Amino acid sequence: GCHILIADGLKGTDDVLVPVRGGELVKEAKIGRAVMDADIVISLTHFKCHECTGIGGTLKNLGMGCGSRAGKMDMHSTGKSLVSPDDCVGCGKCKTVCAHSAISITQGKASIDSAKCVGCGRCLGNCPMDAISPAEDDAFENLDKKIVEYAAAVVGGRPHFHISLGVDISPYCDCHSENDVPVVPDVGMFASFDPVAIDVACADAVNQAPPWPGSLLAAQAGQGSDHFSSVTPGTDWRICTNHGKKLGIGNTEYELVKI
């Protein structure tokens, strides 16, 4: 029954540039306008594993969730868009919003000249067929840091509070249409004013839990002490939390109060 606002507009193009103090990779984050119009921020997160960032927690919810479509592209890629020929219908709506003449329509399909593309992301929001997507070609470490820098833009200068649900802890992001059984039993509900500490606390609780029989984690038993890197080798969730501490939006140390 709650009212819902699409923070970056119906087409994903209504955003504002928010300076990131101390940002290494992001100097100005592209955040949905309605998010920045709010007086306070309260986040509700489903905590889970993630195939790119190790964990999908509060920091990822704030950063990736509040970024506009152009912001999401900024985090996932080095700034270029790709067209799926199978989905493109050649309507040309992407071409009409490209200020850099990077898009052309050839034989009924759009194509993007990466040399001219500046990564603004306007074509993503204007495509009625969702035929345009980020290249997703940036390194996981850069993705982690960009997410945190976007999160810093969201919470900076105003009150914020965070709730994270450590239930049905899936091995993949919730954006997947498919998933697998939870990797561990439910670990509970967490709440904190600190977006960094709550992610560390949730990750610690998961790492202390036994693998769920028949799960992807159970199949990877013995691969390491960290459940998340066992589920998705090559990821390191601590990059996010350590970078959040470095930017001053939270601490990796915490006191767990059980209720």
Protein backbone atom coordinates (compact mmCIF):
# COMPACT_ATOMS: atom_id res chain seq x y z
CA GLY A 1 0.00 0.00 0.00
CA CYS A 2 2.99 2.33 0.02
CA HIS A 3 3.22 5.04 -2.60
CA ILE A 4 6.12 4.58 -4.99
CA LEU A 5 8.15 7.22 -6.78
CA ILE A 6 10.39 6.29 -9.69
CA ALA A 7 13.38 8.28 -8.46
CA ASP A 8 14.94 8.92 -11.88
CA GLY A 9 11.65 9.36 -13.76
CA LEU A 10 9.63 7.08 -15.98
CA LYS A 11 12.40 6.87 -18.55
CA GLY A 12 15.33 6.90 -16.14
CA THR A 13 16.63 10.24 -17.37
CA ASP A 14 15.64 12.52 -14.47
CA ASP A 15 18.83 12.73 -12.43
CA VAL A 16 21.09 15.26 -10.75
CA LEU A 17 24.88 15.43 -10.53
CA VAL A 18 26.02 15.09 -6.91
CA PRO A 19 29.66 15.83 -6.00
CA VAL A 20 31.50 12.92 -4.33
CA ARG A 21 33.87 14.22 -1.69
CA GLY A 22 37.09 12.21 -1.82
CA GLY A 23 35.92 10.09 -4.75
CA GLU A 24 38.71 8.22 -6.52
CA LEU A 25 36.76 7.11 -9.58
CA VAL A 26 33.59 9.21 -9.40
CA LYS A 27 33.73 12.98 -9.04
CA GLU A 28 30.01 13.54 -9.70
CA ALA A 29 27.43 10.81 -9.14
CA LYS A 30 24.30 10.66 -11.29
CA ILE A 31 21.55 10.15 -8.71
CA GLY A 32 17.79 9.95 -9.25
CA ARG A 33 16.32 13.39 -8.60
CA ALA A 34 13.62 12.22 -6.18
CA VAL A 35 16.28 10.62 -3.97
CA MET A 36 18.14 13.90 -3.65
CA ASP A 37 14.88 15.77 -2.96
CA ALA A 38 14.32 13.66 0.19
CA ASP A 39 15.11 15.09 3.64
CA ILE A 40 16.26 11.74 5.05
CA VAL A 41 17.28 8.33 3.69
CA ILE A 42 15.93 5.03 5.05
CA SER A 43 17.09 1.94 3.18
CA LEU A 44 15.58 -1.55 3.28
CA THR A 45 17.87 -4.20 1.83
CA HIS A 46 17.69 -7.92 1.10
CA PHE A 47 21.17 -9.15 2.00
CA LYS A 48 22.55 -11.79 -0.39
CA CYS A 49 25.59 -12.95 -2.33
CA HIS A 50 26.47 -11.20 -5.56
CA GLU A 51 28.32 -12.41 -8.63
CA CYS A 52 30.25 -9.14 -9.13
CA THR A 53 30.62 -7.56 -5.69
CA GLY A 54 30.63 -10.62 -3.42
CA ILE A 55 27.72 -9.32 -1.33
CA GLY A 56 24.60 -7.41 -2.22
CA GLY A 57 24.03 -5.32 0.89
CA THR A 58 23.24 -1.81 2.06
CA LEU A 59 26.08 -0.08 0.25
CA LYS A 60 25.12 -1.68 -3.04
CA ASN A 61 21.44 -0.90 -2.45
CA LEU A 62 22.26 2.77 -1.82
CA GLY A 63 24.79 3.18 -4.61
CA MET A 64 23.42 1.09 -7.45
CA GLY A 65 19.81 1.43 -6.36
CA CYS A 66 19.80 5.23 -6.21
CA GLY A 67 21.90 5.80 -9.31
CA SER A 68 19.93 6.80 -12.38
CA ARG A 69 20.12 4.64 -15.50
CA ALA A 70 23.12 6.69 -16.60
CA GLY A 71 24.57 6.26 -13.11
CA LYS A 72 24.15 2.50 -13.25
CA MET A 73 26.00 2.49 -16.55
CA ASP A 74 28.71 4.66 -15.00
CA MET A 75 29.23 2.09 -12.24
CA HIS A 76 29.06 -1.05 -14.39
CA SER A 77 31.20 0.04 -17.29
CA THR A 78 33.96 2.28 -18.51
CA GLY A 79 31.27 4.48 -19.99
CA LYS A 80 30.12 3.01 -23.29
CA SER A 81 26.78 1.53 -24.36
CA LEU A 82 26.02 -1.48 -26.52
CA VAL A 83 23.02 -2.27 -28.74
CA SER A 84 21.45 -5.72 -28.89
CA PRO A 85 20.54 -6.22 -32.59
CA ASP A 86 18.01 -8.91 -31.67
CA ASP A 87 16.01 -6.46 -29.53
CA CYS A 88 16.48 -3.27 -31.57
CA VAL A 89 13.59 -2.31 -33.88
CA GLY A 90 15.36 0.64 -35.48
CA CYS A 91 12.90 3.26 -34.22
CA GLY A 92 15.67 5.85 -33.87
CA LYS A 93 14.56 7.23 -30.50
CA CYS A 94 18.05 6.69 -29.14
CA LYS A 95 19.51 8.72 -31.99
CA THR A 96 17.24 11.69 -31.26
CA VAL A 97 18.65 12.14 -27.73
CA CYS A 98 22.32 11.60 -28.58
CA ALA A 99 24.03 14.98 -28.41
CA HIS A 100 27.28 13.63 -29.82
CA SER A 101 26.07 12.01 -33.05
CA ALA A 102 27.35 8.65 -31.86
CA ILE A 103 24.28 6.66 -32.96
CA SER A 104 23.33 5.73 -36.49
CA ILE A 105 20.57 3.54 -37.95
CA THR A 106 21.80 1.08 -40.55
CA GLN A 107 19.64 -1.59 -42.16
CA GLY A 108 16.95 -1.06 -39.54
CA LYS A 109 19.26 -1.42 -36.53
CA ALA A 110 20.95 1.13 -34.27
CA SER A 111 24.70 1.11 -33.76
CA ILE A 112 26.85 3.19 -31.41
CA ASP A 113 30.24 4.62 -32.35
CA SER A 114 32.30 4.09 -29.19
CA ALA A 115 34.79 6.75 -30.30
CA LYS A 116 32.04 9.39 -30.19
CA CYS A 117 30.05 8.00 -27.23
CA VAL A 118 30.68 9.89 -23.98
CA GLY A 119 28.71 7.51 -21.75
CA CYS A 120 25.92 9.88 -20.76
CA GLY A 121 23.38 7.02 -20.76
CA ARG A 122 20.51 9.01 -22.28
CA CYS A 123 20.01 6.38 -24.97
CA LEU A 124 19.39 3.71 -22.31
CA GLY A 125 16.45 5.62 -20.88
CA ASN A 126 14.99 6.51 -24.26
CA CYS A 127 14.97 3.03 -25.80
CA PRO A 128 11.43 1.59 -25.66
CA MET A 129 12.72 -1.94 -26.26
CA ASP A 130 15.50 -1.98 -23.63
CA ALA A 131 17.84 -2.89 -26.47
CA ILE A 132 20.70 -0.75 -25.13
CA SER A 133 22.79 -1.75 -22.13
CA PRO A 134 26.09 -0.85 -20.45
CA ALA A 135 29.13 -2.72 -21.67
CA GLU A 136 29.75 -4.06 -18.12
CA ASP A 137 33.45 -4.13 -18.92
CA ASP A 138 34.93 -2.52 -15.81
CA ALA A 139 36.92 -4.48 -13.23
CA PHE A 140 35.11 -5.76 -10.13
CA GLU A 141 37.36 -3.63 -7.89
CA ASN A 142 36.40 -0.46 -9.75
CA LEU A 143 32.73 -1.44 -9.65
CA ASP A 144 32.95 -1.91 -5.87
CA LYS A 145 34.55 1.48 -5.36
CA LYS A 146 32.14 3.27 -7.68
CA ILE A 147 29.17 1.78 -5.84
CA VAL A 148 30.49 3.09 -2.52
CA GLU A 149 31.20 6.52 -3.98
CA TYR A 150 27.63 6.66 -5.27
CA ALA A 151 26.41 5.60 -1.82
CA ALA A 152 28.47 8.40 -0.29
CA ALA A 153 26.72 10.88 -2.59
CA VAL A 154 23.31 9.57 -1.45
CA VAL A 155 23.85 9.70 2.34
CA GLY A 156 26.15 12.71 2.53
CA GLY A 157 24.86 15.69 4.51
CA ARG A 158 21.55 14.27 5.76
CA PRO A 159 20.24 11.73 8.32
CA HIS A 160 20.16 8.10 7.22
CA PHE A 161 19.12 4.75 8.73
CA HIS A 162 19.44 1.25 7.33
CA ILE A 163 17.67 -2.11 7.69
CA SER A 164 19.05 -5.30 6.16
CA LEU A 165 17.21 -8.63 5.96
CA GLY A 166 19.53 -11.63 6.19
CA VAL A 167 16.92 -14.11 4.96
CA ASP A 168 16.74 -16.30 1.85
CA ILE A 169 20.39 -15.49 1.21
CA SER A 170 20.64 -16.34 -2.45
CA PRO A 171 23.90 -16.90 -4.35
CA TYR A 172 23.04 -14.33 -7.01
CA CYS A 173 21.63 -10.81 -7.24
CA ASP A 174 17.85 -10.41 -7.01
CA CYS A 175 17.83 -8.88 -10.50
CA HIS A 176 18.23 -12.42 -11.85
CA SER A 177 15.01 -14.00 -13.04
CA GLU A 178 16.46 -17.31 -11.87
CA ASN A 179 18.28 -18.17 -8.64
CA ASP A 180 19.22 -21.09 -6.40
CA VAL A 181 18.43 -22.23 -2.89
CA PRO A 182 19.83 -20.06 -0.04
CA VAL A 183 23.51 -20.64 0.69
CA VAL A 184 23.05 -20.61 4.49
CA PRO A 185 20.11 -20.60 6.94
CA ASP A 186 18.54 -17.22 7.74
CA VAL A 187 20.77 -15.08 9.98
CA GLY A 188 18.22 -12.44 11.02
CA MET A 189 17.31 -8.79 10.63
CA PHE A 190 19.91 -6.06 11.15
CA ALA A 191 19.54 -2.31 11.67
CA SER A 192 22.08 0.49 11.97
CA PHE A 193 22.78 4.16 11.33
CA ASP A 194 26.07 3.00 9.78
CA PRO A 195 25.81 1.63 6.19
CA VAL A 196 29.33 0.17 6.33
CA ALA A 197 29.03 -1.56 9.71
CA ILE A 198 25.71 -3.18 8.82
CA ASP A 199 27.23 -4.78 5.71
CA VAL A 200 30.19 -6.10 7.72
CA ALA A 201 27.89 -7.44 10.45
CA CYS A 202 25.68 -9.23 7.92
CA ALA A 203 28.69 -10.70 6.11
CA ASP A 204 30.20 -11.91 9.39
CA ALA A 205 26.92 -13.55 10.37
CA VAL A 206 26.71 -15.37 7.05
CA ASN A 207 30.33 -16.51 7.29
CA GLN A 208 29.64 -17.93 10.75
CA ALA A 209 26.65 -19.93 9.48
CA PRO A 210 26.93 -23.48 8.07
CA PRO A 211 26.35 -24.05 4.35
CA TRP A 212 22.79 -25.03 3.46
CA PRO A 213 22.71 -28.66 2.25
CA GLY A 214 22.36 -28.85 -1.51
CA SER A 215 23.29 -25.19 -2.02
CA LEU A 216 25.93 -23.75 -4.32
CA LEU A 217 28.01 -22.98 -1.23
CA ALA A 218 27.83 -26.58 -0.03
CA ALA A 219 29.05 -27.70 -3.44
CA GLN A 220 32.05 -25.40 -3.00
CA ALA A 221 32.87 -26.67 0.52
CA GLY A 222 36.53 -26.43 1.37
CA GLN A 223 37.23 -23.64 -1.14
CA GLY A 224 37.97 -21.07 1.58
CA SER A 225 36.89 -19.53 4.88
CA ASP A 226 34.88 -16.76 3.21
CA HIS A 227 31.50 -17.99 1.98
CA PHE A 228 31.11 -15.18 -0.56
CA SER A 229 34.40 -15.75 -2.37
CA SER A 230 33.62 -19.48 -2.31
CA VAL A 231 30.30 -18.86 -4.07
CA THR A 232 31.81 -16.39 -6.55
CA PRO A 233 35.60 -16.69 -6.85
CA GLY A 234 37.29 -13.47 -7.90
CA THR A 235 35.13 -11.20 -5.77
CA ASP A 236 36.13 -9.45 -2.54
CA TRP A 237 33.29 -7.81 -0.63
CA ARG A 238 35.73 -6.09 1.73
CA ILE A 239 36.75 -3.70 -1.04
CA CYS A 240 33.33 -2.05 -0.65
CA THR A 241 33.37 -1.82 3.14
CA ASN A 242 37.01 -0.74 3.37
CA HIS A 243 36.42 1.96 0.77
CA GLY A 244 33.33 3.14 2.66
CA LYS A 245 35.44 3.52 5.79
CA LYS A 246 38.09 5.40 3.82
CA LEU A 247 35.46 7.83 2.50
CA GLY A 248 34.18 8.41 6.04
CA ILE A 249 30.61 7.18 5.60
CA GLY A 250 30.96 4.43 8.23
CA ASN A 251 33.19 2.03 10.13
CA THR A 252 34.12 -1.60 9.66
CA GLU A 253 34.11 -2.14 13.43
CA TYR A 254 30.77 -2.63 15.15
CA GLU A 255 28.99 -3.76 18.32
CA LEU A 256 26.27 -6.31 17.71
CA VAL A 257 23.29 -5.84 20.05
CA LYS A 258 20.90 -8.79 19.90
CA ILE A 259 17.20 -8.20 20.54
